[in-house]
């Protein structure tokens, strides 16, 4: 009960600010057609303030310790970001790296179009110009052209973030993914679902035209709770539990790899093989992390 009261007191000012921020973002929409670059800059600053605040609640107020490993990501670099999807809380791990690279306000996430109907969160996502997609790439061509156009034509600095599995990992979905891979002779990585390759290929082929987009960042997220691997806290726990790492036994990790965009293969078929290989390597890293976390502390 005390944690719920504490969480409410901590989160309420942020929720009120989120409402104000969403209102400002919506008011910027009518002038976006006239001064798109200015609106993008203002929207990015507003986004930074919102997400940096919630990140502070998670890490500073509630004591989350995020282990970061892998490649250092350059400050201010625009990139395509691909990531596995375990839980709603995955965004904290991505934001950790984005803050370190000074790109937090520039993050634009592929989001399900149904989120437009969600009060506060959905309105802000839509107003800030994040790609809202149905996961039917034929139906989403207009939306993708809008998003890619801002990055390519107007050279907006961006982290374009995609959960390439398109859905959160569960044991049942893993079984279904394994069966699909067996039937279609595709490689199945450990602890991951087979990635949706079409969205990745479409994104890479479009953003090759943007000279300021320099790389693909491959991020791998892992959780542990007690002795349970891949178990993440729910959103309310991340906002309300004090000592979420030290006192409540949650472990968080994110592993980053940077691949220069110019070094990626050029055909669609080769890009499919490329992301499949990344997922195999991600699965191997996750298994190493699982083993490391399962070993008793010295």
C-alpha atoms as a PDB file:
ATOM      1  CA  UNK A   1       0.000   0.000   0.000  1.00  0.00           C
ATOM      2  CA  UNK A   2       2.774   2.445   0.899  1.00  0.00           C
ATOM      3  CA  UNK A   3       4.524   1.802  -2.416  1.00  0.00           C
ATOM      4  CA  UNK A   4       1.286   2.598  -4.269  1.00  0.00           C
ATOM      5  CA  UNK A   5       0.861   5.865  -2.373  1.00  0.00           C
ATOM      6  CA  UNK A   6       4.499   6.741  -2.945  1.00  0.00           C
ATOM      7  CA  UNK A   7       4.218   5.875  -6.625  1.00  0.00           C
ATOM      8  CA  UNK A   8       1.122   8.017  -7.040  1.00  0.00           C
ATOM      9  CA  UNK A   9       2.816  11.020  -5.447  1.00  0.00           C
ATOM     10  CA  UNK A  10       5.881  10.593  -7.672  1.00  0.00           C
ATOM     11  CA  UNK A  11       4.015   9.934 -10.914  1.00  0.00           C
ATOM     12  CA  UNK A  12       1.144  12.433 -10.619  1.00  0.00           C
ATOM     13  CA  UNK A  13       3.252  15.548 -11.425  1.00  0.00           C
ATOM     14  CA  UNK A  14       4.678  13.744 -14.476  1.00  0.00           C
ATOM     15  CA  UNK A  15       1.205  12.722 -15.684  1.00  0.00           C
ATOM     16  CA  UNK A  16      -0.017  16.312 -15.355  1.00  0.00           C
ATOM     17  CA  UNK A  17       3.018  17.552 -17.253  1.00  0.00           C
ATOM     18  CA  UNK A  18       2.441  14.862 -19.895  1.00  0.00           C
ATOM     19  CA  UNK A  19      -1.058  16.219 -20.426  1.00  0.00           C
ATOM     20  CA  UNK A  20       0.271  19.746 -20.907  1.00  0.00           C
ATOM     21  CA  UNK A  21       2.987  18.487 -23.260  1.00  0.00           C
ATOM     22  CA  UNK A  22       0.444  16.563 -25.358  1.00  0.00           C
ATOM     23  CA  UNK A  23      -1.726  19.678 -25.599  1.00  0.00           C
ATOM     24  CA  UNK A  24       1.226  21.784 -26.788  1.00  0.00           C
ATOM     25  CA  UNK A  25       2.199  19.122 -29.344  1.00  0.00           C
ATOM     26  CA  UNK A  26      -1.349  19.050 -30.707  1.00  0.00           C
ATOM     27  CA  UNK A  27      -1.413  22.847 -30.969  1.00  0.00           C
ATOM     28  CA  UNK A  28       1.775  22.692 -33.052  1.00  0.00           C
ATOM     29  CA  UNK A  29       0.144  20.474 -35.689  1.00  0.00           C
ATOM     30  CA  UNK A  30      -1.685  23.255 -37.612  1.00  0.00           C
ATOM     31  CA  UNK A  31       1.585  25.132 -38.221  1.00  0.00           C
ATOM     32  CA  UNK A  32       3.620  22.041 -39.081  1.00  0.00           C
ATOM     33  CA  UNK A  33       2.867  22.413 -42.800  1.00  0.00           C
ATOM     34  CA  UNK A  34       4.391  25.922 -42.799  1.00  0.00           C
ATOM     35  CA  UNK A  35       7.460  25.455 -40.564  1.00  0.00           C
ATOM     36  CA  UNK A  36       8.078  21.692 -40.364  1.00  0.00           C
ATOM     37  CA  UNK A  37      11.689  21.971 -39.233  1.00  0.00           C
ATOM     38  CA  UNK A  38      10.826  24.303 -36.370  1.00  0.00           C
ATOM     39  CA  UNK A  39       7.963  22.071 -35.237  1.00  0.00           C
ATOM     40  CA  UNK A  40      10.247  19.024 -35.345  1.00  0.00           C
ATOM     41  CA  UNK A  41      12.802  20.805 -33.172  1.00  0.00           C
ATOM     42  CA  UNK A  42      10.199  21.990 -30.659  1.00  0.00           C
ATOM     43  CA  UNK A  43       8.563  18.561 -30.569  1.00  0.00           C
ATOM     44  CA  UNK A  44      11.921  16.931 -29.929  1.00  0.00           C
ATOM     45  CA  UNK A  45      12.654  19.232 -26.983  1.00  0.00           C
ATOM     46  CA  UNK A  46       9.220  18.512 -25.507  1.00  0.00           C
ATOM     47  CA  UNK A  47       9.716  14.778 -26.018  1.00  0.00           C
ATOM     48  CA  UNK A  48      13.066  14.954 -24.262  1.00  0.00           C
ATOM     49  CA  UNK A  49      11.563  16.624 -21.204  1.00  0.00           C
ATOM     50  CA  UNK A  50       8.786  14.019 -20.949  1.00  0.00           C
ATOM     51  CA  UNK A  51      10.971  10.940 -21.386  1.00  0.00           C
ATOM     52  CA  UNK A  52      13.921  12.183 -19.336  1.00  0.00           C
ATOM     53  CA  UNK A  53      11.520  12.742 -16.429  1.00  0.00           C
ATOM     54  CA  UNK A  54      10.059   9.234 -16.535  1.00  0.00           C
ATOM     55  CA  UNK A  55      13.570   7.806 -16.925  1.00  0.00           C
ATOM     56  CA  UNK A  56      14.594   9.667 -13.772  1.00  0.00           C
ATOM     57  CA  UNK A  57      11.656   8.154 -11.898  1.00  0.00           C
ATOM     58  CA  UNK A  58      12.790   4.666 -12.947  1.00  0.00           C
ATOM     59  CA  UNK A  59      16.514   5.054 -12.314  1.00  0.00           C
ATOM     60  CA  UNK A  60      16.953   7.791  -9.714  1.00  0.00           C
ATOM     61  CA  UNK A  61      13.767   7.638  -7.631  1.00  0.00           C
ATOM     62  CA  UNK A  62      13.276   3.862  -7.805  1.00  0.00           C
ATOM     63  CA  UNK A  63      16.879   2.718  -8.053  1.00  0.00           C
ATOM     64  CA  UNK A  64      16.855   0.730 -11.291  1.00  0.00           C
ATOM     65  CA  UNK A  65      20.366  -0.345 -12.294  1.00  0.00           C
ATOM     66  CA  UNK A  66      20.747  -0.884 -16.041  1.00  0.00           C
ATOM     67  CA  UNK A  67      23.868  -2.773 -17.141  1.00  0.00           C
ATOM     68  CA  UNK A  68      25.107  -1.408 -20.477  1.00  0.00           C
ATOM     69  CA  UNK A  69      27.560  -3.328 -22.659  1.00  0.00           C
ATOM     70  CA  UNK A  70      28.786  -3.558 -26.239  1.00  0.00           C
ATOM     71  CA  UNK A  71      29.668  -0.757 -28.640  1.00  0.00           C
ATOM     72  CA  UNK A  72      29.681   2.878 -27.625  1.00  0.00           C
ATOM     73  CA  UNK A  73      27.128   4.763 -29.701  1.00  0.00           C
ATOM     74  CA  UNK A  74      28.376   8.113 -31.068  1.00  0.00           C
ATOM     75  CA  UNK A  75      26.798  11.305 -29.791  1.00  0.00           C
ATOM     76  CA  UNK A  76      24.282  12.895 -32.128  1.00  0.00           C
ATOM     77  CA  UNK A  77      24.370  10.187 -34.789  1.00  0.00           C
ATOM     78  CA  UNK A  78      21.192   9.341 -36.692  1.00  0.00           C
ATOM     79  CA  UNK A  79      20.518   5.627 -36.968  1.00  0.00           C
ATOM     80  CA  UNK A  80      18.067   2.821 -37.554  1.00  0.00           C
ATOM     81  CA  UNK A  81      17.546   1.045 -34.225  1.00  0.00           C
ATOM     82  CA  UNK A  82      16.362  -2.575 -34.052  1.00  0.00           C
ATOM     83  CA  UNK A  83      15.586  -4.329 -30.802  1.00  0.00           C
ATOM     84  CA  UNK A  84      14.022  -7.428 -29.300  1.00  0.00           C
ATOM     85  CA  UNK A  85      10.762  -6.971 -27.413  1.00  0.00           C
ATOM     86  CA  UNK A  86      10.247  -8.513 -23.974  1.00  0.00           C
ATOM     87  CA  UNK A  87       7.914  -6.115 -22.141  1.00  0.00           C
ATOM     88  CA  UNK A  88       6.394  -2.637 -22.156  1.00  0.00           C
ATOM     89  CA  UNK A  89       9.324  -1.567 -19.992  1.00  0.00           C
ATOM     90  CA  UNK A  90      11.824  -2.117 -22.836  1.00  0.00           C
ATOM     91  CA  UNK A  91      11.770   1.594 -23.621  1.00  0.00           C
ATOM     92  CA  UNK A  92      13.726   2.341 -20.430  1.00  0.00           C
ATOM     93  CA  UNK A  93      16.734   0.386 -21.759  1.00  0.00           C
ATOM     94  CA  UNK A  94      16.615   2.109 -25.142  1.00  0.00           C
ATOM     95  CA  UNK A  95      16.224   5.524 -23.532  1.00  0.00           C
ATOM     96  CA  UNK A  96      19.247   4.853 -21.355  1.00  0.00           C
ATOM     97  CA  UNK A  97      21.426   4.572 -24.456  1.00  0.00           C
ATOM     98  CA  UNK A  98      19.645   7.435 -26.221  1.00  0.00           C
ATOM     99  CA  UNK A  99      20.356   9.765 -23.304  1.00  0.00           C
ATOM    100  CA  UNK A 100      24.021   8.820 -23.307  1.00  0.00           C
ATOM    101  CA  UNK A 101      24.165   9.501 -27.072  1.00  0.00           C
ATOM    102  CA  UNK A 102      22.255  12.809 -26.700  1.00  0.00           C
ATOM    103  CA  UNK A 103      19.455  11.541 -28.950  1.00  0.00           C
ATOM    104  CA  UNK A 104      16.603  10.977 -26.501  1.00  0.00           C
ATOM    105  CA  UNK A 105      14.381  13.719 -27.901  1.00  0.00           C
ATOM    106  CA  UNK A 106      15.081  12.497 -31.431  1.00  0.00           C
ATOM    107  CA  UNK A 107      13.741   8.991 -30.895  1.00  0.00           C
ATOM    108  CA  UNK A 108      10.853   8.083 -33.163  1.00  0.00           C
ATOM    109  CA  UNK A 109       9.306   4.681 -32.583  1.00  0.00           C
ATOM    110  CA  UNK A 110       7.254   2.470 -34.852  1.00  0.00           C
ATOM    111  CA  UNK A 111       3.996   2.210 -32.899  1.00  0.00           C
ATOM    112  CA  UNK A 112       0.745   0.351 -33.420  1.00  0.00           C
ATOM    113  CA  UNK A 113      -1.922   2.564 -34.933  1.00  0.00           C
ATOM    114  CA  UNK A 114      -4.364   1.525 -32.174  1.00  0.00           C
ATOM    115  CA  UNK A 115      -2.303   3.597 -29.711  1.00  0.00           C
ATOM    116  CA  UNK A 116      -3.798   6.763 -31.188  1.00  0.00           C
ATOM    117  CA  UNK A 117      -6.885   6.056 -29.091  1.00  0.00           C
ATOM    118  CA  UNK A 118      -4.935   5.875 -25.799  1.00  0.00           C
ATOM    119  CA  UNK A 119      -5.339   9.108 -23.780  1.00  0.00           C
ATOM    120  CA  UNK A 120      -2.150  11.086 -23.167  1.00  0.00           C
ATOM    121  CA  UNK A 121       0.344   8.483 -24.460  1.00  0.00           C
ATOM    122  CA  UNK A 122      -1.306   7.869 -27.815  1.00  0.00           C
ATOM    123  CA  UNK A 123      -2.082  11.537 -28.470  1.00  0.00           C
ATOM    124  CA  UNK A 124       1.499  12.555 -27.822  1.00  0.00           C
ATOM    125  CA  UNK A 125       2.923   9.764 -29.973  1.00  0.00           C
ATOM    126  CA  UNK A 126       0.697  10.812 -32.854  1.00  0.00           C
ATOM    127  CA  UNK A 127       1.355  14.543 -32.456  1.00  0.00           C
ATOM    128  CA  UNK A 128       5.138  14.169 -32.288  1.00  0.00           C
ATOM    129  CA  UNK A 129       5.157  12.463 -35.657  1.00  0.00           C
ATOM    130  CA  UNK A 130       5.990   8.900 -34.726  1.00  0.00           C
ATOM    131  CA  UNK A 131       5.124   6.328 -37.407  1.00  0.00           C
ATOM    132  CA  UNK A 132       1.752   4.757 -36.595  1.00  0.00           C
ATOM    133  CA  UNK A 133       1.490   1.475 -38.469  1.00  0.00           C
ATOM    134  CA  UNK A 134      -0.841  -1.489 -38.772  1.00  0.00           C
ATOM    135  CA  UNK A 135       1.985  -3.948 -39.507  1.00  0.00           C
ATOM    136  CA  UNK A 136       0.494  -4.421 -42.968  1.00  0.00           C
ATOM    137  CA  UNK A 137       3.277  -2.840 -44.988  1.00  0.00           C
ATOM    138  CA  UNK A 138       1.109  -2.431 -48.085  1.00  0.00           C
ATOM    139  CA  UNK A 139      -1.488  -0.420 -46.123  1.00  0.00           C
ATOM    140  CA  UNK A 140       1.188   1.590 -44.356  1.00  0.00           C
ATOM    141  CA  UNK A 141       2.907   2.980 -47.456  1.00  0.00           C
ATOM    142  CA  UNK A 142       1.492   6.499 -47.038  1.00  0.00           C
ATOM    143  CA  UNK A 143       2.496   6.687 -43.374  1.00  0.00           C
ATOM    144  CA  UNK A 144       5.965   5.335 -44.093  1.00  0.00           C
ATOM    145  CA  UNK A 145       6.460   7.781 -46.960  1.00  0.00           C
ATOM    146  CA  UNK A 146       5.601  10.624 -44.559  1.00  0.00           C
ATOM    147  CA  UNK A 147       8.091   9.448 -41.934  1.00  0.00           C
ATOM    148  CA  UNK A 148      10.868   8.545 -44.348  1.00  0.00           C
ATOM    149  CA  UNK A 149      10.331  11.827 -46.201  1.00  0.00           C
ATOM    150  CA  UNK A 150      11.060  13.889 -43.101  1.00  0.00           C
ATOM    151  CA  UNK A 151      14.280  12.001 -42.473  1.00  0.00           C
ATOM    152  CA  UNK A 152      15.483  11.798 -46.082  1.00  0.00           C
ATOM    153  CA  UNK A 153      14.267  15.077 -47.564  1.00  0.00           C
ATOM    154  CA  UNK A 154      14.513  17.356 -44.538  1.00  0.00           C
ATOM    155  CA  UNK A 155      17.461  15.521 -42.963  1.00  0.00           C
ATOM    156  CA  UNK A 156      15.904  15.412 -39.510  1.00  0.00           C
ATOM    157  CA  UNK A 157      18.267  13.826 -36.942  1.00  0.00           C
ATOM    158  CA  UNK A 158      16.542  10.651 -35.781  1.00  0.00           C
ATOM    159  CA  UNK A 159      16.774   7.344 -34.032  1.00  0.00           C
ATOM    160  CA  UNK A 160      14.092   5.349 -35.876  1.00  0.00           C
ATOM    161  CA  UNK A 161      13.323   2.568 -33.397  1.00  0.00           C
ATOM    162  CA  UNK A 162      11.635  -0.710 -34.274  1.00  0.00           C
ATOM    163  CA  UNK A 163      10.852  -3.821 -32.245  1.00  0.00           C
ATOM    164  CA  UNK A 164      11.556  -6.164 -35.124  1.00  0.00           C
ATOM    165  CA  UNK A 165       9.623  -9.095 -33.667  1.00  0.00           C
ATOM    166  CA  UNK A 166       6.488  -6.886 -33.781  1.00  0.00           C
ATOM    167  CA  UNK A 167       5.167  -8.366 -30.540  1.00  0.00           C
ATOM    168  CA  UNK A 168       6.334  -9.132 -27.028  1.00  0.00           C
ATOM    169  CA  UNK A 169       8.097 -12.396 -26.249  1.00  0.00           C
ATOM    170  CA  UNK A 170       6.087 -15.090 -24.477  1.00  0.00           C
ATOM    171  CA  UNK A 171       6.653 -18.819 -24.119  1.00  0.00           C
ATOM    172  CA  UNK A 172       3.600 -19.557 -26.261  1.00  0.00           C
ATOM    173  CA  UNK A 173       4.709 -17.175 -29.003  1.00  0.00           C
ATOM    174  CA  UNK A 174       8.158 -18.751 -28.898  1.00  0.00           C
ATOM    175  CA  UNK A 175       6.628 -22.178 -29.522  1.00  0.00           C
ATOM    176  CA  UNK A 176       4.626 -20.774 -32.430  1.00  0.00           C
ATOM    177  CA  UNK A 177       7.708 -19.054 -33.824  1.00  0.00           C
ATOM    178  CA  UNK A 178       9.732 -22.257 -33.543  1.00  0.00           C
ATOM    179  CA  UNK A 179       7.089 -24.231 -35.449  1.00  0.00           C
ATOM    180  CA  UNK A 180       6.947 -21.571 -38.169  1.00  0.00           C
ATOM    181  CA  UNK A 181      10.729 -21.600 -38.540  1.00  0.00           C
ATOM    182  CA  UNK A 182      10.802 -25.373 -38.781  1.00  0.00           C
ATOM    183  CA  UNK A 183       8.085 -25.374 -41.439  1.00  0.00           C
ATOM    184  CA  UNK A 184       9.771 -22.608 -43.456  1.00  0.00           C
ATOM    185  CA  UNK A 185      13.386 -23.671 -42.941  1.00  0.00           C
ATOM    186  CA  UNK A 186      14.340 -20.456 -41.148  1.00  0.00           C
ATOM    187  CA  UNK A 187      16.837 -20.139 -38.273  1.00  0.00           C
ATOM    188  CA  UNK A 188      15.326 -19.728 -34.803  1.00  0.00           C
ATOM    189  CA  UNK A 189      17.435 -17.851 -32.227  1.00  0.00           C
ATOM    190  CA  UNK A 190      17.446 -18.607 -28.513  1.00  0.00           C
ATOM    191  CA  UNK A 191      15.119 -16.550 -26.277  1.00  0.00           C
ATOM    192  CA  UNK A 192      13.746 -14.594 -29.263  1.00  0.00           C
ATOM    193  CA  UNK A 193      10.997 -14.696 -31.839  1.00  0.00           C
ATOM    194  CA  UNK A 194      11.831 -14.766 -35.523  1.00  0.00           C
ATOM    195  CA  UNK A 195      12.090 -11.118 -36.694  1.00  0.00           C
ATOM    196  CA  UNK A 196       9.638  -9.552 -39.133  1.00  0.00           C
ATOM    197  CA  UNK A 197      12.070  -8.899 -41.934  1.00  0.00           C
ATOM    198  CA  UNK A 198       9.945  -6.880 -44.373  1.00  0.00           C
ATOM    199  CA  UNK A 199       9.748  -3.784 -42.198  1.00  0.00           C
ATOM    200  CA  UNK A 200      13.486  -3.827 -41.606  1.00  0.00           C
ATOM    201  CA  UNK A 201      14.280  -4.215 -45.296  1.00  0.00           C
ATOM    202  CA  UNK A 202      11.881  -1.396 -46.232  1.00  0.00           C
ATOM    203  CA  UNK A 203      13.396   0.940 -43.639  1.00  0.00           C
ATOM    204  CA  UNK A 204      16.992   0.269 -44.671  1.00  0.00           C
ATOM    205  CA  UNK A 205      16.304   0.641 -48.383  1.00  0.00           C
ATOM    206  CA  UNK A 206      14.562   3.995 -47.858  1.00  0.00           C
ATOM    207  CA  UNK A 207      17.015   5.491 -45.370  1.00  0.00           C
ATOM    208  CA  UNK A 208      20.064   4.639 -47.446  1.00  0.00           C
ATOM    209  CA  UNK A 209      19.059   7.815 -49.302  1.00  0.00           C
ATOM    210  CA  UNK A 210      19.654   9.923 -46.175  1.00  0.00           C
ATOM    211  CA  UNK A 211      23.410  10.642 -45.927  1.00  0.00           C
ATOM    212  CA  UNK A 212      23.172  11.658 -42.267  1.00  0.00           C
ATOM    213  CA  UNK A 213      21.797   8.225 -41.253  1.00  0.00           C
ATOM    214  CA  UNK A 214      25.058   6.459 -40.593  1.00  0.00           C
ATOM    215  CA  UNK A 215      24.334   3.134 -38.932  1.00  0.00           C
ATOM    216  CA  UNK A 216      22.068   0.365 -37.747  1.00  0.00           C
ATOM    217  CA  UNK A 217      22.098  -0.120 -33.973  1.00  0.00           C
ATOM    218  CA  UNK A 218      21.219  -3.619 -32.840  1.00  0.00           C
ATOM    219  CA  UNK A 219      20.082  -3.517 -29.192  1.00  0.00           C
ATOM    220  CA  UNK A 220      19.449  -6.611 -27.091  1.00  0.00           C
ATOM    221  CA  UNK A 221      17.434  -6.329 -23.875  1.00  0.00           C
ATOM    222  CA  UNK A 222      17.487  -8.814 -21.003  1.00  0.00           C
ATOM    223  CA  UNK A 223      15.703  -9.065 -17.648  1.00  0.00           C
ATOM    224  CA  UNK A 224      15.959 -11.239 -14.598  1.00  0.00           C
ATOM    225  CA  UNK A 225      13.795 -11.382 -11.481  1.00  0.00           C
ATOM    226  CA  UNK A 226      15.130 -13.641  -8.788  1.00  0.00           C
ATOM    227  CA  UNK A 227      15.954 -16.831 -10.689  1.00  0.00           C
ATOM    228  CA  UNK A 228      13.528 -16.137 -13.557  1.00  0.00           C
ATOM    229  CA  UNK A 229      15.098 -15.039 -16.817  1.00  0.00           C
ATOM    230  CA  UNK A 230      13.179 -12.754 -19.196  1.00  0.00           C
ATOM    231  CA  UNK A 231      10.819 -11.659 -16.409  1.00  0.00           C
ATOM    232  CA  UNK A 232      10.296  -7.904 -16.377  1.00  0.00           C
ATOM    233  CA  UNK A 233       8.401  -5.661 -13.960  1.00  0.00           C
ATOM    234  CA  UNK A 234       5.129  -4.168 -15.095  1.00  0.00           C
ATOM    235  CA  UNK A 235       4.873  -0.461 -15.829  1.00  0.00           C
ATOM    236  CA  UNK A 236       3.404   0.453 -12.448  1.00  0.00           C
ATOM    237  CA  UNK A 237       6.183  -1.378 -10.619  1.00  0.00           C
ATOM    238  CA  UNK A 238       8.802   0.619 -12.529  1.00  0.00           C
ATOM    239  CA  UNK A 239       7.086   3.805 -11.385  1.00  0.00           C
ATOM    240  CA  UNK A 240       6.281   2.899  -7.802  1.00  0.00           C
ATOM    241  CA  UNK A 241       8.701   0.303  -6.366  1.00  0.00           C
ATOM    242  CA  UNK A 242      11.576   1.811  -4.369  1.00  0.00           C
ATOM    243  CA  UNK A 243      14.792  -0.164  -4.683  1.00  0.00           C
ATOM    244  CA  UNK A 244      13.500  -2.029  -7.713  1.00  0.00           C
ATOM    245  CA  UNK A 245      16.949  -3.508  -8.389  1.00  0.00           C
ATOM    246  CA  UNK A 246      18.649  -3.788  -5.004  1.00  0.00           C
ATOM    247  CA  UNK A 247      15.582  -4.397  -2.870  1.00  0.00           C
ATOM    248  CA  UNK A 248      13.225  -6.189  -5.253  1.00  0.00           C
ATOM    249  CA  UNK A 249      15.682  -8.301  -7.197  1.00  0.00           C
ATOM    250  CA  UNK A 250      15.131  -7.061 -10.758  1.00  0.00           C
ATOM    251  CA  UNK A 251      18.088  -7.022 -13.134  1.00  0.00           C
ATOM    252  CA  UNK A 252      18.183  -5.032 -16.362  1.00  0.00           C
ATOM    253  CA  UNK A 253      20.693  -5.176 -19.205  1.00  0.00           C
ATOM    254  CA  UNK A 254      21.059  -3.790 -22.707  1.00  0.00           C
ATOM    255  CA  UNK A 255      23.762  -4.763 -25.188  1.00  0.00           C
ATOM    256  CA  UNK A 256      24.497  -2.476 -28.158  1.00  0.00           C
ATOM    257  CA  UNK A 257      26.124  -3.237 -31.484  1.00  0.00           C
ATOM    258  CA  UNK A 258      26.754  -0.628 -34.180  1.00  0.00           C
ATOM    259  CA  UNK A 259      26.858  -1.547 -37.861  1.00  0.00           C
ATOM    260  CA  UNK A 260      27.742   1.160 -40.429  1.00  0.00           C
ATOM    261  CA  UNK A 261      24.868   1.422 -42.893  1.00  0.00           C
ATOM    262  CA  UNK A 262      27.243   1.531 -45.844  1.00  0.00           C
ATOM    263  CA  UNK A 263      28.485  -1.965 -44.950  1.00  0.00           C
ATOM    264  CA  UNK A 264      25.057  -3.617 -45.036  1.00  0.00           C
ATOM    265  CA  UNK A 265      24.194  -5.729 -48.105  1.00  0.00           C
ATOM    266  CA  UNK A 266      22.136  -4.121 -50.847  1.00  0.00           C
ATOM    267  CA  UNK A 267      19.576  -6.665 -52.017  1.00  0.00           C
ATOM    268  CA  UNK A 268      16.382  -7.442 -50.118  1.00  0.00           C
ATOM    269  CA  UNK A 269      17.282 -11.125 -49.873  1.00  0.00           C
ATOM    270  CA  UNK A 270      20.711 -10.379 -48.432  1.00  0.00           C
ATOM    271  CA  UNK A 271      19.206  -7.977 -45.898  1.00  0.00           C
ATOM    272  CA  UNK A 272      16.844 -10.726 -44.733  1.00  0.00           C
ATOM    273  CA  UNK A 273      19.834 -13.004 -44.138  1.00  0.00           C
ATOM    274  CA  UNK A 274      21.646 -10.158 -42.408  1.00  0.00           C
ATOM    275  CA  UNK A 275      18.938  -9.555 -39.797  1.00  0.00           C
ATOM    276  CA  UNK A 276      18.497 -13.311 -39.306  1.00  0.00           C
ATOM    277  CA  UNK A 277      22.188 -13.559 -38.447  1.00  0.00           C
ATOM    278  CA  UNK A 278      21.902 -10.651 -36.010  1.00  0.00           C
ATOM    279  CA  UNK A 279      19.041 -12.455 -34.251  1.00  0.00           C
ATOM    280  CA  UNK A 280      21.109 -15.635 -33.917  1.00  0.00           C
ATOM    281  CA  UNK A 281      23.917 -13.572 -32.354  1.00  0.00           C
ATOM    282  CA  UNK A 282      21.438 -11.773 -30.074  1.00  0.00           C
ATOM    283  CA  UNK A 283      20.117 -15.129 -28.892  1.00  0.00           C
ATOM    284  CA  UNK A 284      23.643 -16.293 -28.115  1.00  0.00           C
ATOM    285  CA  UNK A 285      24.280 -13.140 -26.076  1.00  0.00           C
ATOM    286  CA  UNK A 286      21.011 -13.623 -24.196  1.00  0.00           C
ATOM    287  CA  UNK A 287      21.976 -17.188 -23.335  1.00  0.00           C
ATOM    288  CA  UNK A 288      25.355 -15.988 -22.048  1.00  0.00           C
ATOM    289  CA  UNK A 289      23.571 -13.364 -19.960  1.00  0.00           C
ATOM    290  CA  UNK A 290      21.150 -15.975 -18.590  1.00  0.00           C
ATOM    291  CA  UNK A 291      24.055 -18.218 -17.559  1.00  0.00           C
ATOM    292  CA  UNK A 292      25.933 -15.312 -15.983  1.00  0.00           C
ATOM    293  CA  UNK A 293      22.927 -14.235 -13.960  1.00  0.00           C
ATOM    294  CA  UNK A 294      22.209 -17.792 -12.854  1.00  0.00           C
ATOM    295  CA  UNK A 295      25.674 -18.256 -11.368  1.00  0.00           C
ATOM    296  CA  UNK A 296      25.803 -17.677  -7.590  1.00  0.00           C
ATOM    297  CA  UNK A 297      27.447 -14.446  -6.511  1.00  0.00           C
ATOM    298  CA  UNK A 298      30.988 -14.827  -5.241  1.00  0.00           C
END
